[in-house]
């Protein structure tokens, strides 16, 4: 009996540790690149790029984490132009989330420069980083699914016994 109680406590402890493995933000990540770093060390970048980084950070963080852009697989100016145009179109003028054209241009310039510096020139390191993020994302999704199943089980109502009446 004591062994059964100890085993139950161990299982409960390991289950609660599993729940704490990922933050709610990590479990709800939409893309693997949402799980990466949320900032870039731009201290070695030219001053103009550092200013563009600040603009990018201010503008893009209104709608999503900076990790999404910083760790995404996009690398070319064309990719970033298409992506930013989509974000620009999603913005709602007057709602506080509209992306100004000047901010869009500065963001494209920064992202193209940064992508070349970190993702193209440092291709091997970025590929390794991407593999790590994808593995982490898969684990976070598994945990999210497991937690959802547990939540669903708690909310399932047991059927009432048949009483012979309607």
C-alpha atoms as a PDB file:
ATOM      1  CA  UNK A   1       0.000   0.000   0.000  1.00  0.00           C
ATOM      2  CA  UNK A   2       2.813   2.404   0.916  1.00  0.00           C
ATOM      3  CA  UNK A   3       4.495   1.608  -2.393  1.00  0.00           C
ATOM      4  CA  UNK A   4       1.298   2.418  -4.281  1.00  0.00           C
ATOM      5  CA  UNK A   5       0.934   5.756  -2.472  1.00  0.00           C
ATOM      6  CA  UNK A   6       4.597   6.601  -3.094  1.00  0.00           C
ATOM      7  CA  UNK A   7       4.216   5.704  -6.781  1.00  0.00           C
ATOM      8  CA  UNK A   8       1.085   7.864  -7.046  1.00  0.00           C
ATOM      9  CA  UNK A   9       2.872  10.811  -5.446  1.00  0.00           C
ATOM     10  CA  UNK A  10       5.813  10.330  -7.788  1.00  0.00           C
ATOM     11  CA  UNK A  11       3.511  10.306 -10.812  1.00  0.00           C
ATOM     12  CA  UNK A  12       1.724  13.442  -9.593  1.00  0.00           C
ATOM     13  CA  UNK A  13       5.037  15.212  -9.020  1.00  0.00           C
ATOM     14  CA  UNK A  14       6.345  14.251 -12.449  1.00  0.00           C
ATOM     15  CA  UNK A  15       3.070  15.344 -14.073  1.00  0.00           C
ATOM     16  CA  UNK A  16       3.245  18.755 -12.414  1.00  0.00           C
ATOM     17  CA  UNK A  17       6.904  19.089 -13.470  1.00  0.00           C
ATOM     18  CA  UNK A  18       5.879  18.243 -17.041  1.00  0.00           C
ATOM     19  CA  UNK A  19       3.252  20.995 -16.913  1.00  0.00           C
ATOM     20  CA  UNK A  20       5.912  23.448 -15.803  1.00  0.00           C
ATOM     21  CA  UNK A  21       8.374  22.467 -18.516  1.00  0.00           C
ATOM     22  CA  UNK A  22       6.946  25.036 -20.916  1.00  0.00           C
ATOM     23  CA  UNK A  23       5.418  28.404 -20.206  1.00  0.00           C
ATOM     24  CA  UNK A  24       1.889  29.074 -21.437  1.00  0.00           C
ATOM     25  CA  UNK A  25       3.429  31.362 -24.072  1.00  0.00           C
ATOM     26  CA  UNK A  26       5.678  28.542 -25.304  1.00  0.00           C
ATOM     27  CA  UNK A  27       2.815  26.041 -25.391  1.00  0.00           C
ATOM     28  CA  UNK A  28       0.680  28.447 -27.409  1.00  0.00           C
ATOM     29  CA  UNK A  29       3.403  29.343 -29.939  1.00  0.00           C
ATOM     30  CA  UNK A  30       2.041  29.311 -33.475  1.00  0.00           C
ATOM     31  CA  UNK A  31       5.391  28.719 -35.185  1.00  0.00           C
ATOM     32  CA  UNK A  32       8.675  27.131 -34.151  1.00  0.00           C
ATOM     33  CA  UNK A  33      10.443  30.438 -34.588  1.00  0.00           C
ATOM     34  CA  UNK A  34       8.238  32.025 -31.907  1.00  0.00           C
ATOM     35  CA  UNK A  35      10.290  30.024 -29.385  1.00  0.00           C
ATOM     36  CA  UNK A  36      13.654  31.593 -30.202  1.00  0.00           C
ATOM     37  CA  UNK A  37      15.375  34.687 -28.836  1.00  0.00           C
ATOM     38  CA  UNK A  38      13.293  37.858 -28.771  1.00  0.00           C
ATOM     39  CA  UNK A  39      16.142  40.244 -29.499  1.00  0.00           C
ATOM     40  CA  UNK A  40      19.258  40.614 -31.593  1.00  0.00           C
ATOM     41  CA  UNK A  41      22.586  42.000 -30.440  1.00  0.00           C
ATOM     42  CA  UNK A  42      22.992  44.813 -32.949  1.00  0.00           C
ATOM     43  CA  UNK A  43      25.922  46.505 -31.202  1.00  0.00           C
ATOM     44  CA  UNK A  44      28.280  45.547 -34.064  1.00  0.00           C
ATOM     45  CA  UNK A  45      25.833  46.705 -36.760  1.00  0.00           C
ATOM     46  CA  UNK A  46      26.184  50.126 -38.420  1.00  0.00           C
ATOM     47  CA  UNK A  47      24.407  52.938 -36.551  1.00  0.00           C
ATOM     48  CA  UNK A  48      21.743  53.224 -39.272  1.00  0.00           C
ATOM     49  CA  UNK A  49      20.882  49.512 -38.848  1.00  0.00           C
ATOM     50  CA  UNK A  50      20.738  49.931 -35.075  1.00  0.00           C
ATOM     51  CA  UNK A  51      18.189  52.724 -35.514  1.00  0.00           C
ATOM     52  CA  UNK A  52      16.216  50.559 -37.939  1.00  0.00           C
ATOM     53  CA  UNK A  53      16.285  47.762 -35.354  1.00  0.00           C
ATOM     54  CA  UNK A  54      14.692  50.048 -32.773  1.00  0.00           C
ATOM     55  CA  UNK A  55      11.993  51.002 -35.301  1.00  0.00           C
ATOM     56  CA  UNK A  56      11.442  47.356 -36.200  1.00  0.00           C
ATOM     57  CA  UNK A  57      11.227  46.386 -32.515  1.00  0.00           C
ATOM     58  CA  UNK A  58       8.719  49.122 -31.707  1.00  0.00           C
ATOM     59  CA  UNK A  59       6.529  48.575 -34.768  1.00  0.00           C
ATOM     60  CA  UNK A  60       6.481  44.809 -35.019  1.00  0.00           C
ATOM     61  CA  UNK A  61       6.100  44.050 -31.317  1.00  0.00           C
ATOM     62  CA  UNK A  62       2.652  45.657 -31.372  1.00  0.00           C
ATOM     63  CA  UNK A  63       1.133  42.535 -32.908  1.00  0.00           C
ATOM     64  CA  UNK A  64       3.525  39.639 -32.229  1.00  0.00           C
ATOM     65  CA  UNK A  65       6.765  38.818 -30.486  1.00  0.00           C
ATOM     66  CA  UNK A  66       9.976  39.865 -32.157  1.00  0.00           C
ATOM     67  CA  UNK A  67      11.084  36.241 -31.993  1.00  0.00           C
ATOM     68  CA  UNK A  68       8.750  35.487 -34.897  1.00  0.00           C
ATOM     69  CA  UNK A  69      10.709  37.687 -37.293  1.00  0.00           C
ATOM     70  CA  UNK A  70      14.151  37.257 -35.752  1.00  0.00           C
ATOM     71  CA  UNK A  71      14.094  33.442 -35.928  1.00  0.00           C
ATOM     72  CA  UNK A  72      11.993  32.964 -39.050  1.00  0.00           C
ATOM     73  CA  UNK A  73      13.437  31.212 -42.099  1.00  0.00           C
ATOM     74  CA  UNK A  74      12.983  34.305 -44.287  1.00  0.00           C
ATOM     75  CA  UNK A  75      16.299  35.633 -45.573  1.00  0.00           C
ATOM     76  CA  UNK A  76      15.893  37.786 -48.684  1.00  0.00           C
ATOM     77  CA  UNK A  77      14.749  41.367 -49.114  1.00  0.00           C
ATOM     78  CA  UNK A  78      11.958  40.067 -51.361  1.00  0.00           C
ATOM     79  CA  UNK A  79      10.765  37.691 -48.638  1.00  0.00           C
ATOM     80  CA  UNK A  80      10.729  40.479 -46.072  1.00  0.00           C
ATOM     81  CA  UNK A  81       9.033  42.937 -48.428  1.00  0.00           C
ATOM     82  CA  UNK A  82       6.237  40.440 -49.097  1.00  0.00           C
ATOM     83  CA  UNK A  83       5.917  39.623 -45.384  1.00  0.00           C
ATOM     84  CA  UNK A  84       5.881  43.263 -44.241  1.00  0.00           C
ATOM     85  CA  UNK A  85       3.339  44.179 -46.937  1.00  0.00           C
ATOM     86  CA  UNK A  86       1.097  41.461 -45.516  1.00  0.00           C
ATOM     87  CA  UNK A  87       1.553  42.877 -42.014  1.00  0.00           C
ATOM     88  CA  UNK A  88       0.925  46.377 -43.342  1.00  0.00           C
ATOM     89  CA  UNK A  89      -2.337  45.210 -44.913  1.00  0.00           C
ATOM     90  CA  UNK A  90      -3.417  43.531 -41.646  1.00  0.00           C
ATOM     91  CA  UNK A  91      -2.972  46.722 -39.642  1.00  0.00           C
ATOM     92  CA  UNK A  92      -6.050  48.740 -38.852  1.00  0.00           C
ATOM     93  CA  UNK A  93      -5.551  52.485 -39.184  1.00  0.00           C
ATOM     94  CA  UNK A  94      -6.808  54.294 -36.103  1.00  0.00           C
ATOM     95  CA  UNK A  95      -6.768  51.088 -34.053  1.00  0.00           C
ATOM     96  CA  UNK A  96      -3.249  51.719 -32.788  1.00  0.00           C
ATOM     97  CA  UNK A  97      -1.772  48.791 -34.683  1.00  0.00           C
ATOM     98  CA  UNK A  98      -1.340  50.275 -38.137  1.00  0.00           C
ATOM     99  CA  UNK A  99       2.188  49.936 -39.492  1.00  0.00           C
ATOM    100  CA  UNK A 100       3.421  53.275 -40.838  1.00  0.00           C
ATOM    101  CA  UNK A 101       5.067  53.147 -44.256  1.00  0.00           C
ATOM    102  CA  UNK A 102       8.310  54.597 -42.873  1.00  0.00           C
ATOM    103  CA  UNK A 103       8.349  51.906 -40.183  1.00  0.00           C
ATOM    104  CA  UNK A 104       7.695  49.227 -42.808  1.00  0.00           C
ATOM    105  CA  UNK A 105      10.624  50.444 -44.931  1.00  0.00           C
ATOM    106  CA  UNK A 106      12.963  50.643 -41.924  1.00  0.00           C
ATOM    107  CA  UNK A 107      11.872  47.171 -40.800  1.00  0.00           C
ATOM    108  CA  UNK A 108      12.508  45.693 -44.247  1.00  0.00           C
ATOM    109  CA  UNK A 109      15.952  47.297 -44.381  1.00  0.00           C
ATOM    110  CA  UNK A 110      16.875  45.994 -40.953  1.00  0.00           C
ATOM    111  CA  UNK A 111      15.489  42.494 -41.511  1.00  0.00           C
ATOM    112  CA  UNK A 112      17.227  42.121 -44.882  1.00  0.00           C
ATOM    113  CA  UNK A 113      20.559  43.231 -43.387  1.00  0.00           C
ATOM    114  CA  UNK A 114      20.174  41.113 -40.259  1.00  0.00           C
ATOM    115  CA  UNK A 115      19.088  38.044 -42.221  1.00  0.00           C
ATOM    116  CA  UNK A 116      22.152  38.288 -44.411  1.00  0.00           C
ATOM    117  CA  UNK A 117      24.440  38.795 -41.416  1.00  0.00           C
ATOM    118  CA  UNK A 118      23.024  36.046 -39.177  1.00  0.00           C
ATOM    119  CA  UNK A 119      21.195  33.609 -41.442  1.00  0.00           C
ATOM    120  CA  UNK A 120      23.127  33.656 -44.707  1.00  0.00           C
ATOM    121  CA  UNK A 121      26.694  34.289 -43.545  1.00  0.00           C
ATOM    122  CA  UNK A 122      26.135  32.159 -40.438  1.00  0.00           C
ATOM    123  CA  UNK A 123      24.157  29.505 -42.303  1.00  0.00           C
ATOM    124  CA  UNK A 124      25.439  26.466 -40.365  1.00  0.00           C
ATOM    125  CA  UNK A 125      24.847  28.040 -36.952  1.00  0.00           C
ATOM    126  CA  UNK A 126      21.398  29.264 -37.971  1.00  0.00           C
ATOM    127  CA  UNK A 127      20.487  25.816 -39.348  1.00  0.00           C
ATOM    128  CA  UNK A 128      21.505  24.217 -36.032  1.00  0.00           C
ATOM    129  CA  UNK A 129      19.494  26.850 -34.150  1.00  0.00           C
ATOM    130  CA  UNK A 130      16.481  26.116 -36.372  1.00  0.00           C
ATOM    131  CA  UNK A 131      16.711  22.359 -35.698  1.00  0.00           C
ATOM    132  CA  UNK A 132      16.754  23.052 -31.946  1.00  0.00           C
ATOM    133  CA  UNK A 133      13.710  25.321 -32.198  1.00  0.00           C
ATOM    134  CA  UNK A 134      11.796  22.762 -34.270  1.00  0.00           C
ATOM    135  CA  UNK A 135      12.509  20.027 -31.710  1.00  0.00           C
ATOM    136  CA  UNK A 136      11.452  22.319 -28.863  1.00  0.00           C
ATOM    137  CA  UNK A 137       8.305  23.281 -30.750  1.00  0.00           C
ATOM    138  CA  UNK A 138       7.381  19.619 -31.262  1.00  0.00           C
ATOM    139  CA  UNK A 139       7.793  18.976 -27.535  1.00  0.00           C
ATOM    140  CA  UNK A 140       5.743  22.056 -26.632  1.00  0.00           C
ATOM    141  CA  UNK A 141       2.959  20.944 -28.982  1.00  0.00           C
ATOM    142  CA  UNK A 142       2.969  17.466 -27.439  1.00  0.00           C
ATOM    143  CA  UNK A 143       2.647  18.987 -23.990  1.00  0.00           C
ATOM    144  CA  UNK A 144      -0.131  21.299 -25.163  1.00  0.00           C
ATOM    145  CA  UNK A 145      -2.015  18.303 -26.595  1.00  0.00           C
ATOM    146  CA  UNK A 146      -1.495  16.282 -23.429  1.00  0.00           C
ATOM    147  CA  UNK A 147      -2.719  19.143 -21.253  1.00  0.00           C
ATOM    148  CA  UNK A 148      -5.749  19.666 -23.514  1.00  0.00           C
ATOM    149  CA  UNK A 149      -6.652  15.983 -23.232  1.00  0.00           C
ATOM    150  CA  UNK A 150      -6.392  16.212 -19.435  1.00  0.00           C
ATOM    151  CA  UNK A 151      -8.587  19.327 -19.409  1.00  0.00           C
ATOM    152  CA  UNK A 152     -11.137  17.676 -21.672  1.00  0.00           C
ATOM    153  CA  UNK A 153     -11.259  14.603 -19.427  1.00  0.00           C
ATOM    154  CA  UNK A 154     -11.974  16.760 -16.390  1.00  0.00           C
ATOM    155  CA  UNK A 155     -14.913  18.399 -18.134  1.00  0.00           C
ATOM    156  CA  UNK A 156     -16.540  15.244 -19.465  1.00  0.00           C
ATOM    157  CA  UNK A 157     -19.771  14.592 -17.637  1.00  0.00           C
ATOM    158  CA  UNK A 158     -20.551  11.080 -16.584  1.00  0.00           C
ATOM    159  CA  UNK A 159     -23.780   9.895 -18.160  1.00  0.00           C
ATOM    160  CA  UNK A 160     -26.740   9.834 -15.809  1.00  0.00           C
ATOM    161  CA  UNK A 161     -28.176   6.414 -15.050  1.00  0.00           C
ATOM    162  CA  UNK A 162     -31.225   5.407 -17.056  1.00  0.00           C
ATOM    163  CA  UNK A 163     -34.328   5.901 -14.967  1.00  0.00           C
ATOM    164  CA  UNK A 164     -36.911   4.815 -17.513  1.00  0.00           C
ATOM    165  CA  UNK A 165     -38.409   8.294 -17.870  1.00  0.00           C
ATOM    166  CA  UNK A 166     -37.856  11.045 -20.349  1.00  0.00           C
END
